[in-house]
C-alpha atoms as a PDB file:
ATOM      1  CA  UNK A   1     -22.381   3.348   3.670  1.00  0.00           C
ATOM      2  CA  UNK A   2     -23.205  -0.333   3.260  1.00  0.00           C
ATOM      3  CA  UNK A   3     -21.619  -0.398  -0.221  1.00  0.00           C
ATOM      4  CA  UNK A   4     -18.330   0.887   1.186  1.00  0.00           C
ATOM      5  CA  UNK A   5     -18.320  -1.822   3.832  1.00  0.00           C
ATOM      6  CA  UNK A   6     -18.935  -4.489   1.218  1.00  0.00           C
ATOM      7  CA  UNK A   7     -16.063  -3.244  -0.956  1.00  0.00           C
ATOM      8  CA  UNK A   8     -13.607  -3.509   1.912  1.00  0.00           C
ATOM      9  CA  UNK A   9     -14.491  -7.130   2.477  1.00  0.00           C
ATOM     10  CA  UNK A  10     -14.590  -8.206  -1.181  1.00  0.00           C
ATOM     11  CA  UNK A  11     -11.244  -6.795  -2.331  1.00  0.00           C
ATOM     12  CA  UNK A  12      -8.038  -8.386  -1.150  1.00  0.00           C
ATOM     13  CA  UNK A  13      -5.631  -5.961   0.579  1.00  0.00           C
ATOM     14  CA  UNK A  14      -2.740  -6.965  -1.704  1.00  0.00           C
ATOM     15  CA  UNK A  15      -3.793  -8.078  -5.190  1.00  0.00           C
ATOM     16  CA  UNK A  16      -1.807 -10.718  -7.076  1.00  0.00           C
ATOM     17  CA  UNK A  17      -1.379  -8.478 -10.135  1.00  0.00           C
ATOM     18  CA  UNK A  18       0.818  -5.784  -8.578  1.00  0.00           C
ATOM     19  CA  UNK A  19       2.116  -4.625 -11.956  1.00  0.00           C
ATOM     20  CA  UNK A  20      -1.382  -3.319 -12.720  1.00  0.00           C
ATOM     21  CA  UNK A  21      -1.298  -1.097  -9.640  1.00  0.00           C
ATOM     22  CA  UNK A  22       2.368  -0.184  -9.123  1.00  0.00           C
ATOM     23  CA  UNK A  23       4.746   1.432 -11.591  1.00  0.00           C
ATOM     24  CA  UNK A  24       8.354   0.322 -12.155  1.00  0.00           C
ATOM     25  CA  UNK A  25       9.811   2.714  -9.565  1.00  0.00           C
ATOM     26  CA  UNK A  26       7.359   1.526  -6.913  1.00  0.00           C
ATOM     27  CA  UNK A  27       7.987  -2.137  -7.720  1.00  0.00           C
ATOM     28  CA  UNK A  28      11.772  -1.596  -7.538  1.00  0.00           C
ATOM     29  CA  UNK A  29      11.495   0.092  -4.147  1.00  0.00           C
ATOM     30  CA  UNK A  30       9.143  -2.576  -2.856  1.00  0.00           C
ATOM     31  CA  UNK A  31      11.633  -5.321  -3.778  1.00  0.00           C
ATOM     32  CA  UNK A  32      14.435  -3.416  -2.032  1.00  0.00           C
ATOM     33  CA  UNK A  33      12.551  -2.825   1.219  1.00  0.00           C
ATOM     34  CA  UNK A  34      11.404  -6.460   1.285  1.00  0.00           C
ATOM     35  CA  UNK A  35      15.084  -7.328   1.803  1.00  0.00           C
ATOM     36  CA  UNK A  36      14.843  -5.434   5.108  1.00  0.00           C
ATOM     37  CA  UNK A  37      11.660  -7.169   6.252  1.00  0.00           C
ATOM     38  CA  UNK A  38       9.178  -4.567   5.062  1.00  0.00           C
ATOM     39  CA  UNK A  39       6.180  -5.714   3.058  1.00  0.00           C
ATOM     40  CA  UNK A  40       3.247  -4.331   1.141  1.00  0.00           C
ATOM     41  CA  UNK A  41       0.450  -4.149   3.720  1.00  0.00           C
ATOM     42  CA  UNK A  42      -2.364  -3.070   1.405  1.00  0.00           C
ATOM     43  CA  UNK A  43      -3.271  -0.882  -1.527  1.00  0.00           C
ATOM     44  CA  UNK A  44      -5.982   1.666  -0.872  1.00  0.00           C
ATOM     45  CA  UNK A  45      -8.084   2.031  -3.990  1.00  0.00           C
ATOM     46  CA  UNK A  46     -10.534   4.886  -3.389  1.00  0.00           C
ATOM     47  CA  UNK A  47     -12.993   5.653  -6.160  1.00  0.00           C
ATOM     48  CA  UNK A  48     -11.888   8.420  -8.535  1.00  0.00           C
ATOM     49  CA  UNK A  49      -8.623   8.991  -6.648  1.00  0.00           C
ATOM     50  CA  UNK A  50      -5.048   7.833  -6.905  1.00  0.00           C
ATOM     51  CA  UNK A  51      -4.240   4.498  -5.314  1.00  0.00           C
ATOM     52  CA  UNK A  52      -2.135   4.468  -2.148  1.00  0.00           C
ATOM     53  CA  UNK A  53       0.212   1.504  -1.710  1.00  0.00           C
ATOM     54  CA  UNK A  54       1.131   1.181   1.968  1.00  0.00           C
ATOM     55  CA  UNK A  55       4.182  -0.697   3.236  1.00  0.00           C
ATOM     56  CA  UNK A  56       4.709  -1.861   6.802  1.00  0.00           C
ATOM     57  CA  UNK A  57       7.858  -2.636   8.788  1.00  0.00           C
ATOM     58  CA  UNK A  58       8.590  -6.182   9.909  1.00  0.00           C
ATOM     59  CA  UNK A  59       7.498  -5.340  13.467  1.00  0.00           C
ATOM     60  CA  UNK A  60       4.221  -3.835  12.214  1.00  0.00           C
ATOM     61  CA  UNK A  61       4.882  -0.511  13.906  1.00  0.00           C
ATOM     62  CA  UNK A  62       5.939   1.761  11.027  1.00  0.00           C
ATOM     63  CA  UNK A  63       3.877   2.409   7.909  1.00  0.00           C
ATOM     64  CA  UNK A  64       4.810   4.334   4.791  1.00  0.00           C
ATOM     65  CA  UNK A  65       3.135   5.307   1.539  1.00  0.00           C
ATOM     66  CA  UNK A  66       4.944   4.124  -1.581  1.00  0.00           C
ATOM     67  CA  UNK A  67       4.942   7.269  -3.738  1.00  0.00           C
ATOM     68  CA  UNK A  68       4.802   7.429  -7.558  1.00  0.00           C
ATOM     69  CA  UNK A  69       8.542   8.174  -7.777  1.00  0.00           C
ATOM     70  CA  UNK A  70       9.405   5.114  -5.678  1.00  0.00           C
ATOM     71  CA  UNK A  71      10.129   7.031  -2.491  1.00  0.00           C
ATOM     72  CA  UNK A  72       8.511   6.039   0.786  1.00  0.00           C
ATOM     73  CA  UNK A  73       6.592   8.770   2.574  1.00  0.00           C
ATOM     74  CA  UNK A  74       6.867   8.134   6.299  1.00  0.00           C
ATOM     75  CA  UNK A  75       5.140  11.456   7.109  1.00  0.00           C
ATOM     76  CA  UNK A  76       1.768  10.538   5.632  1.00  0.00           C
ATOM     77  CA  UNK A  77      -1.539  11.463   7.214  1.00  0.00           C
ATOM     78  CA  UNK A  78      -3.187   8.061   6.823  1.00  0.00           C
ATOM     79  CA  UNK A  79      -5.169   6.674   9.690  1.00  0.00           C
ATOM     80  CA  UNK A  80      -4.038   3.064  10.106  1.00  0.00           C
ATOM     81  CA  UNK A  81      -6.399   0.821  12.044  1.00  0.00           C
ATOM     82  CA  UNK A  82      -4.969  -1.865  14.257  1.00  0.00           C
END
C-alpha cells in the first residue's frame, strides 16, 4: 500500500508531454473544450491498464473521461476525491 501512496505523490497529475499519453482525437477534443473553460484535471495511469484522462469543468463540478475516440464520457464510474 505504501508504494501506491508514493506513486501518487511523485507523479504530476498532468504531465508536460501530453502527446505521449493522448492520441490525436483526444488532443483535438481537449483543445476544443478548453475554449469553454474545461481543462485536463489529471491522467490516471494505473499499472497494466489503460490510462484515463479526466477533464473538469471551469466550476470544478463536472468531470468527464476523455475517451480514445475523442468523446467525453460524462457517465463514468470514477470516484473523484475533493
